[in-house]
């Protein structure tokens, strides 16, 4: 299984309604793709104080790397990604993406 972990540094004053809409859209994409196992998102509480500045994130779970590749290439996912980048401080610099083979 692949856990696709995305952390976000959100721009000051970002549109919280737009962020919610993007998260909802990503959940819908995950709901219709074969090999997509789950989607969770939320605010980073940083209880151990090890990730300051990373405001929020989400986790997508996939059966395998091929399912992740299908998600990455999906046109709706790509459009939502562009909307997400507009909410992040510095665009792409405001994202950290980790793919774990679990």
PDB file of N, CA and C in Angstrom:
ATOM      1  N   UNK A   1       0.840  -1.171   0.000  1.00  0.00           N
ATOM      2  CA  UNK A   1       0.000   0.000   0.000  1.00  0.00           C
ATOM      3  C   UNK A   1       0.888   1.238   0.000  1.00  0.00           C
ATOM      4  N   UNK A   2       0.399   2.305  -0.636  1.00  0.00           N
ATOM      5  CA  UNK A   2       1.103   3.577  -0.681  1.00  0.00           C
ATOM      6  C   UNK A   2       0.310   4.599   0.128  1.00  0.00           C
ATOM      7  N   UNK A   3       0.979   5.283   1.040  1.00  0.00           N
ATOM      8  CA  UNK A   3       0.394   6.418   1.752  1.00  0.00           C
ATOM      9  C   UNK A   3       1.014   7.675   1.156  1.00  0.00           C
ATOM     10  N   UNK A   4       0.191   8.470   0.523  1.00  0.00           N
ATOM     11  CA  UNK A   4       0.597   9.728  -0.121  1.00  0.00           C
ATOM     12  C   UNK A   4       0.277  10.839   0.874  1.00  0.00           C
ATOM     13  N   UNK A   5       1.320  11.396   1.492  1.00  0.00           N
ATOM     14  CA  UNK A   5       1.166  12.374   2.571  1.00  0.00           C
ATOM     15  C   UNK A   5       1.548  13.754   2.036  1.00  0.00           C
ATOM     16  N   UNK A   6       0.645  14.711   2.192  1.00  0.00           N
ATOM     17  CA  UNK A   6       0.878  16.071   1.702  1.00  0.00           C
ATOM     18  C   UNK A   6       0.698  17.038   2.871  1.00  0.00           C
ATOM     19  N   UNK A   7       1.734  17.836   3.138  1.00  0.00           N
ATOM     20  CA  UNK A   7       1.671  18.869   4.168  1.00  0.00           C
ATOM     21  C   UNK A   7       1.691  20.233   3.489  1.00  0.00           C
ATOM     22  N   UNK A   8       0.974  21.192   4.089  1.00  0.00           N
ATOM     23  CA  UNK A   8       0.809  22.504   3.472  1.00  0.00           C
ATOM     24  C   UNK A   8       1.218  23.627   4.426  1.00  0.00           C
ATOM     25  N   UNK A   9       1.973  24.578   3.896  1.00  0.00           N
ATOM     26  CA  UNK A   9       2.194  25.872   4.559  1.00  0.00           C
ATOM     27  C   UNK A   9       1.235  26.822   3.862  1.00  0.00           C
ATOM     28  N   UNK A  10       0.194  27.198   4.549  1.00  0.00           N
ATOM     29  CA  UNK A  10      -0.830  28.035   3.935  1.00  0.00           C
ATOM     30  C   UNK A  10      -0.436  29.500   3.969  1.00  0.00           C
ATOM     31  N   UNK A  11      -0.774  30.205   2.906  1.00  0.00           N
ATOM     32  CA  UNK A  11      -0.468  31.634   2.818  1.00  0.00           C
ATOM     33  C   UNK A  11      -1.286  32.392   3.853  1.00  0.00           C
ATOM     34  N   UNK A  12      -0.704  33.416   4.442  1.00  0.00           N
ATOM     35  CA  UNK A  12      -1.477  34.246   5.373  1.00  0.00           C
ATOM     36  C   UNK A  12      -2.728  34.786   4.669  1.00  0.00           C
ATOM     37  N   UNK A  13      -3.849  34.712   5.342  1.00  0.00           N
ATOM     38  CA  UNK A  13      -5.095  35.212   4.772  1.00  0.00           C
ATOM     39  C   UNK A  13      -5.689  34.345   3.683  1.00  0.00           C
ATOM     40  N   UNK A  14      -5.222  33.102   3.560  1.00  0.00           N
ATOM     41  CA  UNK A  14      -5.777  32.212   2.528  1.00  0.00           C
ATOM     42  C   UNK A  14      -7.288  32.060   2.716  1.00  0.00           C
ATOM     43  N   UNK A  15      -7.953  31.709   1.654  1.00  0.00           N
ATOM     44  CA  UNK A  15      -9.405  31.561   1.646  1.00  0.00           C
ATOM     45  C   UNK A  15      -9.763  30.185   2.224  1.00  0.00           C
ATOM     46  N   UNK A  16     -10.294  30.173   3.444  1.00  0.00           N
ATOM     47  CA  UNK A  16     -10.611  28.897   4.104  1.00  0.00           C
ATOM     48  C   UNK A  16     -11.727  28.153   3.386  1.00  0.00           C
ATOM     49  N   UNK A  17     -12.658  28.890   2.778  1.00  0.00           N
ATOM     50  CA  UNK A  17     -13.720  28.244   2.008  1.00  0.00           C
ATOM     51  C   UNK A  17     -13.171  27.537   0.784  1.00  0.00           C
ATOM     52  N   UNK A  18     -12.200  28.160   0.133  1.00  0.00           N
ATOM     53  CA  UNK A  18     -11.559  27.537  -1.032  1.00  0.00           C
ATOM     54  C   UNK A  18     -10.785  26.302  -0.602  1.00  0.00           C
ATOM     55  N   UNK A  19     -10.096  26.371   0.529  1.00  0.00           N
ATOM     56  CA  UNK A  19      -9.371  25.193   1.021  1.00  0.00           C
ATOM     57  C   UNK A  19     -10.346  24.049   1.284  1.00  0.00           C
ATOM     58  N   UNK A  20     -11.462  24.339   1.920  1.00  0.00           N
ATOM     59  CA  UNK A  20     -12.465  23.309   2.189  1.00  0.00           C
ATOM     60  C   UNK A  20     -13.001  22.717   0.883  1.00  0.00           C
ATOM     61  N   UNK A  21     -13.223  23.562  -0.114  1.00  0.00           N
ATOM     62  CA  UNK A  21     -13.723  23.093  -1.408  1.00  0.00           C
ATOM     63  C   UNK A  21     -12.699  22.194  -2.101  1.00  0.00           C
ATOM     64  N   UNK A  22     -11.424  22.556  -2.017  1.00  0.00           N
ATOM     65  CA  UNK A  22     -10.366  21.730  -2.626  1.00  0.00           C
ATOM     66  C   UNK A  22     -10.298  20.368  -1.923  1.00  0.00           C
ATOM     67  N   UNK A  23     -10.360  20.372  -0.596  1.00  0.00           N
ATOM     68  CA  UNK A  23     -10.323  19.100   0.139  1.00  0.00           C
ATOM     69  C   UNK A  23     -11.528  18.231  -0.213  1.00  0.00           C
ATOM     70  N   UNK A  24     -12.691  18.837  -0.318  1.00  0.00           N
ATOM     71  CA  UNK A  24     -13.884  18.085  -0.710  1.00  0.00           C
ATOM     72  C   UNK A  24     -13.717  17.505  -2.107  1.00  0.00           C
ATOM     73  N   UNK A  25     -13.189  18.315  -3.010  1.00  0.00           N
ATOM     74  CA  UNK A  25     -12.957  17.847  -4.378  1.00  0.00           C
ATOM     75  C   UNK A  25     -11.978  16.695  -4.439  1.00  0.00           C
ATOM     76  N   UNK A  26     -10.889  16.774  -3.678  1.00  0.00           N
ATOM     77  CA  UNK A  26      -9.918  15.674  -3.661  1.00  0.00           C
ATOM     78  C   UNK A  26     -10.555  14.403  -3.113  1.00  0.00           C
ATOM     79  N   UNK A  27     -11.394  14.549  -2.091  1.00  0.00           N
ATOM     80  CA  UNK A  27     -12.116  13.392  -1.565  1.00  0.00           C
ATOM     81  C   UNK A  27     -13.019  12.767  -2.607  1.00  0.00           C
ATOM     82  N   UNK A  28     -13.660  13.588  -3.431  1.00  0.00           N
ATOM     83  CA  UNK A  28     -14.516  13.068  -4.492  1.00  0.00           C
ATOM     84  C   UNK A  28     -13.702  12.346  -5.559  1.00  0.00           C
ATOM     85  N   UNK A  29     -12.557  12.906  -5.909  1.00  0.00           N
ATOM     86  CA  UNK A  29     -11.674  12.229  -6.877  1.00  0.00           C
ATOM     87  C   UNK A  29     -11.288  10.856  -6.335  1.00  0.00           C
ATOM     88  N   UNK A  30     -10.877  10.824  -5.084  1.00  0.00           N
ATOM     89  CA  UNK A  30     -10.478   9.548  -4.480  1.00  0.00           C
ATOM     90  C   UNK A  30     -11.633   8.558  -4.473  1.00  0.00           C
ATOM     91  N   UNK A  31     -12.842   9.050  -4.288  1.00  0.00           N
ATOM     92  CA  UNK A  31     -14.008   8.184  -4.224  1.00  0.00           C
ATOM     93  C   UNK A  31     -14.362   7.510  -5.527  1.00  0.00           C
ATOM     94  N   UNK A  32     -13.880   8.039  -6.632  1.00  0.00           N
ATOM     95  CA  UNK A  32     -14.231   7.444  -7.924  1.00  0.00           C
ATOM     96  C   UNK A  32     -13.091   6.688  -8.608  1.00  0.00           C
ATOM     97  N   UNK A  33     -11.903   6.709  -8.034  1.00  0.00           N
ATOM     98  CA  UNK A  33     -10.758   6.058  -8.677  1.00  0.00           C
ATOM     99  C   UNK A  33     -10.546   4.640  -8.161  1.00  0.00           C
ATOM    100  N   UNK A  34     -10.316   3.739  -9.069  1.00  0.00           N
ATOM    101  CA  UNK A  34      -9.963   2.369  -8.711  1.00  0.00           C
ATOM    102  C   UNK A  34      -8.588   2.373  -8.041  1.00  0.00           C
ATOM    103  N   UNK A  35      -8.445   1.634  -6.983  1.00  0.00           N
ATOM    104  CA  UNK A  35      -7.170   1.550  -6.284  1.00  0.00           C
ATOM    105  C   UNK A  35      -6.987   2.617  -5.221  1.00  0.00           C
ATOM    106  N   UNK A  36      -7.939   3.542  -5.108  1.00  0.00           N
ATOM    107  CA  UNK A  36      -7.882   4.553  -4.056  1.00  0.00           C
ATOM    108  C   UNK A  36      -8.589   3.996  -2.833  1.00  0.00           C
ATOM    109  N   UNK A  37      -7.890   3.970  -1.712  1.00  0.00           N
ATOM    110  CA  UNK A  37      -8.410   3.313  -0.511  1.00  0.00           C
ATOM    111  C   UNK A  37      -8.976   4.274   0.529  1.00  0.00           C
ATOM    112  N   UNK A  38      -8.515   5.522   0.541  1.00  0.00           N
ATOM    113  CA  UNK A  38      -9.025   6.442   1.541  1.00  0.00           C
ATOM    114  C   UNK A  38      -8.393   7.808   1.451  1.00  0.00           C
ATOM    115  N   UNK A  39      -9.091   8.789   2.034  1.00  0.00           N
ATOM    116  CA  UNK A  39      -8.647  10.178   2.038  1.00  0.00           C
ATOM    117  C   UNK A  39      -9.012  10.789   3.379  1.00  0.00           C
ATOM    118  N   UNK A  40      -8.019  11.405   4.020  1.00  0.00           N
ATOM    119  CA  UNK A  40      -8.226  12.096   5.288  1.00  0.00           C
ATOM    120  C   UNK A  40      -7.474  13.417   5.228  1.00  0.00           C
ATOM    121  N   UNK A  41      -8.040  14.446   5.841  1.00  0.00           N
ATOM    122  CA  UNK A  41      -7.370  15.749   5.869  1.00  0.00           C
ATOM    123  C   UNK A  41      -7.660  16.438   7.185  1.00  0.00           C
ATOM    124  N   UNK A  42      -6.805  17.393   7.528  1.00  0.00           N
ATOM    125  CA  UNK A  42      -7.044  18.130   8.756  1.00  0.00           C
ATOM    126  C   UNK A  42      -5.952  19.132   9.046  1.00  0.00           C
ATOM    127  N   UNK A  43      -6.138  19.814  10.173  1.00  0.00           N
ATOM    128  CA  UNK A  43      -5.202  20.813  10.665  1.00  0.00           C
ATOM    129  C   UNK A  43      -4.059  20.100  11.380  1.00  0.00           C
ATOM    130  N   UNK A  44      -2.837  20.570  11.183  1.00  0.00           N
ATOM    131  CA  UNK A  44      -1.682  20.017  11.883  1.00  0.00           C
ATOM    132  C   UNK A  44      -1.664  20.567  13.310  1.00  0.00           C
ATOM    133  N   UNK A  45      -1.837  19.721  14.285  1.00  0.00           N
ATOM    134  CA  UNK A  45      -1.812  20.143  15.696  1.00  0.00           C
ATOM    135  C   UNK A  45      -0.394  20.174  16.249  1.00  0.00           C
ATOM    136  N   UNK A  46       0.549  19.509  15.611  1.00  0.00           N
ATOM    137  CA  UNK A  46       1.971  19.534  15.973  1.00  0.00           C
ATOM    138  C   UNK A  46       2.186  19.359  17.480  1.00  0.00           C
ATOM    139  N   UNK A  47       1.617  18.311  18.031  1.00  0.00           N
ATOM    140  CA  UNK A  47       1.687  18.066  19.469  1.00  0.00           C
ATOM    141  C   UNK A  47       3.118  17.898  19.984  1.00  0.00           C
ATOM    142  N   UNK A  48       4.032  17.462  19.125  1.00  0.00           N
ATOM    143  CA  UNK A  48       5.420  17.286  19.549  1.00  0.00           C
ATOM    144  C   UNK A  48       6.301  18.480  19.194  1.00  0.00           C
ATOM    145  N   UNK A  49       5.706  19.501  18.589  1.00  0.00           N
ATOM    146  CA  UNK A  49       6.431  20.693  18.180  1.00  0.00           C
ATOM    147  C   UNK A  49       7.604  20.362  17.259  1.00  0.00           C
ATOM    148  N   UNK A  50       7.333  19.490  16.272  1.00  0.00           N
ATOM    149  CA  UNK A  50       8.363  19.084  15.323  1.00  0.00           C
ATOM    150  C   UNK A  50       8.071  19.521  13.893  1.00  0.00           C
ATOM    151  N   UNK A  51       6.917  20.143  13.689  1.00  0.00           N
ATOM    152  CA  UNK A  51       6.577  20.566  12.325  1.00  0.00           C
ATOM    153  C   UNK A  51       5.954  21.968  12.313  1.00  0.00           C
ATOM    154  N   UNK A  52       6.625  22.926  12.959  1.00  0.00           N
ATOM    155  CA  UNK A  52       6.077  24.286  12.960  1.00  0.00           C
ATOM    156  C   UNK A  52       5.997  24.846  11.539  1.00  0.00           C
ATOM    157  N   UNK A  53       4.942  25.569  11.283  1.00  0.00           N
ATOM    158  CA  UNK A  53       4.777  26.179   9.965  1.00  0.00           C
ATOM    159  C   UNK A  53       4.012  25.332   8.973  1.00  0.00           C
ATOM    160  N   UNK A  54       3.895  24.058   9.234  1.00  0.00           N
ATOM    161  CA  UNK A  54       3.101  23.192   8.361  1.00  0.00           C
ATOM    162  C   UNK A  54       1.688  23.174   8.944  1.00  0.00           C
ATOM    163  N   UNK A  55       0.803  23.930   8.325  1.00  0.00           N
ATOM    164  CA  UNK A  55      -0.505  24.245   8.897  1.00  0.00           C
ATOM    165  C   UNK A  55      -1.531  23.127   8.805  1.00  0.00           C
ATOM    166  N   UNK A  56      -1.508  22.389   7.733  1.00  0.00           N
ATOM    167  CA  UNK A  56      -2.537  21.380   7.485  1.00  0.00           C
ATOM    168  C   UNK A  56      -1.982  20.340   6.536  1.00  0.00           C
ATOM    169  N   UNK A  57      -2.745  19.292   6.351  1.00  0.00           N
ATOM    170  CA  UNK A  57      -2.295  18.256   5.428  1.00  0.00           C
ATOM    171  C   UNK A  57      -3.383  17.266   5.116  1.00  0.00           C
ATOM    172  N   UNK A  58      -3.026  16.330   4.243  1.00  0.00           N
ATOM    173  CA  UNK A  58      -3.938  15.243   3.926  1.00  0.00           C
ATOM    174  C   UNK A  58      -3.159  13.990   3.578  1.00  0.00           C
ATOM    175  N   UNK A  59      -3.845  12.880   3.695  1.00  0.00           N
ATOM    176  CA  UNK A  59      -3.271  11.575   3.394  1.00  0.00           C
ATOM    177  C   UNK A  59      -4.213  10.853   2.446  1.00  0.00           C
ATOM    178  N   UNK A  60      -3.658  10.374   1.346  1.00  0.00           N
ATOM    179  CA  UNK A  60      -4.390   9.510   0.416  1.00  0.00           C
ATOM    180  C   UNK A  60      -3.741   8.130   0.492  1.00  0.00           C
ATOM    181  N   UNK A  61      -4.558   7.112   0.505  1.00  0.00           N
ATOM    182  CA  UNK A  61      -4.037   5.747   0.534  1.00  0.00           C
ATOM    183  C   UNK A  61      -4.420   5.033  -0.761  1.00  0.00           C
ATOM    184  N   UNK A  62      -3.424   4.354  -1.337  1.00  0.00           N
ATOM    185  CA  UNK A  62      -3.605   3.667  -2.614  1.00  0.00           C
ATOM    186  C   UNK A  62      -3.141   2.222  -2.504  1.00  0.00           C
ATOM    187  N   UNK A  63      -3.721   1.368  -3.318  1.00  0.00           N
ATOM    188  CA  UNK A  63      -3.329  -0.038  -3.314  1.00  0.00           C
ATOM    189  C   UNK A  63      -1.875  -0.211  -3.723  1.00  0.00           C
ATOM    190  N   UNK A  64      -1.422   0.612  -4.679  1.00  0.00           N
ATOM    191  CA  UNK A  64      -0.059   0.462  -5.203  1.00  0.00           C
ATOM    192  C   UNK A  64       0.357   1.725  -5.951  1.00  0.00           C
ATOM    193  N   UNK A  65       1.575   1.732  -6.440  1.00  0.00           N
ATOM    194  CA  UNK A  65       2.118   2.897  -7.139  1.00  0.00           C
ATOM    195  C   UNK A  65       1.356   3.199  -8.420  1.00  0.00           C
ATOM    196  N   UNK A  66       0.815   2.182  -9.078  1.00  0.00           N
ATOM    197  CA  UNK A  66       0.040   2.410 -10.299  1.00  0.00           C
ATOM    198  C   UNK A  66      -1.235   3.194  -9.995  1.00  0.00           C
ATOM    199  N   UNK A  67      -1.881   2.896  -8.880  1.00  0.00           N
ATOM    200  CA  UNK A  67      -3.088   3.635  -8.495  1.00  0.00           C
ATOM    201  C   UNK A  67      -2.740   5.086  -8.166  1.00  0.00           C
ATOM    202  N   UNK A  68      -1.609   5.312  -7.513  1.00  0.00           N
ATOM    203  CA  UNK A  68      -1.151   6.680  -7.241  1.00  0.00           C
ATOM    204  C   UNK A  68      -0.874   7.409  -8.551  1.00  0.00           C
ATOM    205  N   UNK A  69      -0.275   6.749  -9.512  1.00  0.00           N
ATOM    206  CA  UNK A  69       0.012   7.365 -10.806  1.00  0.00           C
ATOM    207  C   UNK A  69      -1.283   7.752 -11.529  1.00  0.00           C
ATOM    208  N   UNK A  70      -2.314   6.922 -11.412  1.00  0.00           N
ATOM    209  CA  UNK A  70      -3.608   7.241 -12.010  1.00  0.00           C
ATOM    210  C   UNK A  70      -4.182   8.501 -11.377  1.00  0.00           C
ATOM    211  N   UNK A  71      -4.096   8.596 -10.063  1.00  0.00           N
ATOM    212  CA  UNK A  71      -4.553   9.779  -9.328  1.00  0.00           C
ATOM    213  C   UNK A  71      -3.765  11.010  -9.774  1.00  0.00           C
ATOM    214  N   UNK A  72      -2.458  10.890  -9.848  1.00  0.00           N
ATOM    215  CA  UNK A  72      -1.597  12.023 -10.209  1.00  0.00           C
ATOM    216  C   UNK A  72      -1.923  12.547 -11.610  1.00  0.00           C
ATOM    217  N   UNK A  73      -2.309  11.665 -12.517  1.00  0.00           N
ATOM    218  CA  UNK A  73      -2.593  12.051 -13.893  1.00  0.00           C
ATOM    219  C   UNK A  73      -4.035  12.495 -14.115  1.00  0.00           C
ATOM    220  N   UNK A  74      -4.894  12.282 -13.143  1.00  0.00           N
ATOM    221  CA  UNK A  74      -6.313  12.593 -13.286  1.00  0.00           C
ATOM    222  C   UNK A  74      -6.513  14.102 -13.519  1.00  0.00           C
ATOM    223  N   UNK A  75      -7.251  14.494 -14.556  1.00  0.00           N
ATOM    224  CA  UNK A  75      -7.429  15.917 -14.866  1.00  0.00           C
ATOM    225  C   UNK A  75      -8.082  16.715 -13.726  1.00  0.00           C
ATOM    226  N   UNK A  76      -9.062  16.139 -13.054  1.00  0.00           N
ATOM    227  CA  UNK A  76      -9.700  16.860 -11.952  1.00  0.00           C
ATOM    228  C   UNK A  76      -8.726  17.043 -10.787  1.00  0.00           C
ATOM    229  N   UNK A  77      -7.930  16.002 -10.497  1.00  0.00           N
ATOM    230  CA  UNK A  77      -6.906  16.125  -9.456  1.00  0.00           C
ATOM    231  C   UNK A  77      -5.918  17.226  -9.810  1.00  0.00           C
ATOM    232  N   UNK A  78      -5.500  17.265 -11.054  1.00  0.00           N
ATOM    233  CA  UNK A  78      -4.520  18.271 -11.487  1.00  0.00           C
ATOM    234  C   UNK A  78      -5.080  19.688 -11.352  1.00  0.00           C
ATOM    235  N   UNK A  79      -6.357  19.875 -11.676  1.00  0.00           N
ATOM    236  CA  UNK A  79      -6.988  21.188 -11.530  1.00  0.00           C
ATOM    237  C   UNK A  79      -7.090  21.575 -10.051  1.00  0.00           C
ATOM    238  N   UNK A  80      -7.461  20.626  -9.208  1.00  0.00           N
ATOM    239  CA  UNK A  80      -7.536  20.892  -7.770  1.00  0.00           C
ATOM    240  C   UNK A  80      -6.162  21.199  -7.198  1.00  0.00           C
ATOM    241  N   UNK A  81      -5.143  20.538  -7.707  1.00  0.00           N
ATOM    242  CA  UNK A  81      -3.768  20.794  -7.253  1.00  0.00           C
ATOM    243  C   UNK A  81      -3.363  22.231  -7.534  1.00  0.00           C
ATOM    244  N   UNK A  82      -3.751  22.750  -8.683  1.00  0.00           N
ATOM    245  CA  UNK A  82      -3.427  24.141  -9.013  1.00  0.00           C
ATOM    246  C   UNK A  82      -4.141  25.107  -8.066  1.00  0.00           C
ATOM    247  N   UNK A  83      -5.380  24.789  -7.732  1.00  0.00           N
ATOM    248  CA  UNK A  83      -6.111  25.620  -6.766  1.00  0.00           C
ATOM    249  C   UNK A  83      -5.448  25.557  -5.394  1.00  0.00           C
ATOM    250  N   UNK A  84      -4.973  24.366  -5.023  1.00  0.00           N
ATOM    251  CA  UNK A  84      -4.296  24.211  -3.738  1.00  0.00           C
ATOM    252  C   UNK A  84      -2.996  25.009  -3.705  1.00  0.00           C
ATOM    253  N   UNK A  85      -2.226  24.944  -4.775  1.00  0.00           N
ATOM    254  CA  UNK A  85      -0.966  25.701  -4.832  1.00  0.00           C
ATOM    255  C   UNK A  85      -1.198  27.196  -4.652  1.00  0.00           C
ATOM    256  N   UNK A  86      -2.315  27.698  -5.145  1.00  0.00           N
ATOM    257  CA  UNK A  86      -2.629  29.121  -4.997  1.00  0.00           C
ATOM    258  C   UNK A  86      -2.889  29.496  -3.538  1.00  0.00           C
ATOM    259  N   UNK A  87      -3.211  28.518  -2.698  1.00  0.00           N
ATOM    260  CA  UNK A  87      -3.472  28.763  -1.279  1.00  0.00           C
ATOM    261  C   UNK A  87      -2.218  28.641  -0.418  1.00  0.00           C
ATOM    262  N   UNK A  88      -1.164  28.071  -0.984  1.00  0.00           N
ATOM    263  CA  UNK A  88       0.047  27.781  -0.218  1.00  0.00           C
ATOM    264  C   UNK A  88       1.052  28.930  -0.294  1.00  0.00           C
ATOM    265  N   UNK A  89       1.735  29.163   0.803  1.00  0.00           N
ATOM    266  CA  UNK A  89       2.777  30.191   0.845  1.00  0.00           C
ATOM    267  C   UNK A  89       3.889  29.809  -0.123  1.00  0.00           C
ATOM    268  N   UNK A  90       4.124  30.634  -1.102  1.00  0.00           N
ATOM    269  CA  UNK A  90       5.177  30.346  -2.069  1.00  0.00           C
ATOM    270  C   UNK A  90       4.808  29.310  -3.101  1.00  0.00           C
ATOM    271  N   UNK A  91       3.526  28.994  -3.235  1.00  0.00           N
ATOM    272  CA  UNK A  91       3.107  27.991  -4.221  1.00  0.00           C
ATOM    273  C   UNK A  91       3.680  26.630  -3.896  1.00  0.00           C
ATOM    274  N   UNK A  92       4.415  26.058  -4.824  1.00  0.00           N
ATOM    275  CA  UNK A  92       4.980  24.719  -4.646  1.00  0.00           C
ATOM    276  C   UNK A  92       5.900  24.627  -3.435  1.00  0.00           C
ATOM    277  N   UNK A  93       6.575  25.721  -3.109  1.00  0.00           N
ATOM    278  CA  UNK A  93       7.455  25.724  -1.922  1.00  0.00           C
ATOM    279  C   UNK A  93       6.662  25.536  -0.632  1.00  0.00           C
ATOM    280  N   UNK A  94       5.348  25.754  -0.684  1.00  0.00           N
ATOM    281  CA  UNK A  94       4.502  25.588   0.481  1.00  0.00           C
ATOM    282  C   UNK A  94       3.901  24.205   0.601  1.00  0.00           C
ATOM    283  N   UNK A  95       4.424  23.258  -0.163  1.00  0.00           N
ATOM    284  CA  UNK A  95       3.971  21.867  -0.079  1.00  0.00           C
ATOM    285  C   UNK A  95       5.139  20.937   0.224  1.00  0.00           C
ATOM    286  N   UNK A  96       4.864  19.909   0.993  1.00  0.00           N
ATOM    287  CA  UNK A  96       5.803  18.814   1.175  1.00  0.00           C
ATOM    288  C   UNK A  96       5.013  17.539   0.893  1.00  0.00           C
ATOM    289  N   UNK A  97       5.525  16.720  -0.006  1.00  0.00           N
ATOM    290  CA  UNK A  97       4.850  15.492  -0.388  1.00  0.00           C
ATOM    291  C   UNK A  97       5.766  14.312  -0.104  1.00  0.00           C
ATOM    292  N   UNK A  98       5.217  13.327   0.591  1.00  0.00           N
ATOM    293  CA  UNK A  98       5.962  12.110   0.933  1.00  0.00           C
ATOM    294  C   UNK A  98       5.104  10.913   0.526  1.00  0.00           C
ATOM    295  N   UNK A  99       5.688   9.984  -0.192  1.00  0.00           N
ATOM    296  CA  UNK A  99       5.006   8.748  -0.558  1.00  0.00           C
ATOM    297  C   UNK A  99       5.658   7.597   0.183  1.00  0.00           C
ATOM    298  N   UNK A 100       4.891   6.999   1.082  1.00  0.00           N
ATOM    299  CA  UNK A 100       5.398   5.909   1.896  1.00  0.00           C
ATOM    300  C   UNK A 100       4.896   4.569   1.374  1.00  0.00           C
ATOM    301  N   UNK A 101       5.778   3.638   1.192  1.00  0.00           N
ATOM    302  CA  UNK A 101       5.423   2.272   0.835  1.00  0.00           C
ATOM    303  C   UNK A 101       5.217   1.526   2.137  1.00  0.00           C
ATOM    304  N   UNK A 102       3.956   1.310   2.510  1.00  0.00           N
ATOM    305  CA  UNK A 102       3.652   0.711   3.826  1.00  0.00           C
ATOM    306  C   UNK A 102       3.001  -0.658   3.683  1.00  0.00           C
TER     307      UNK A 102
END
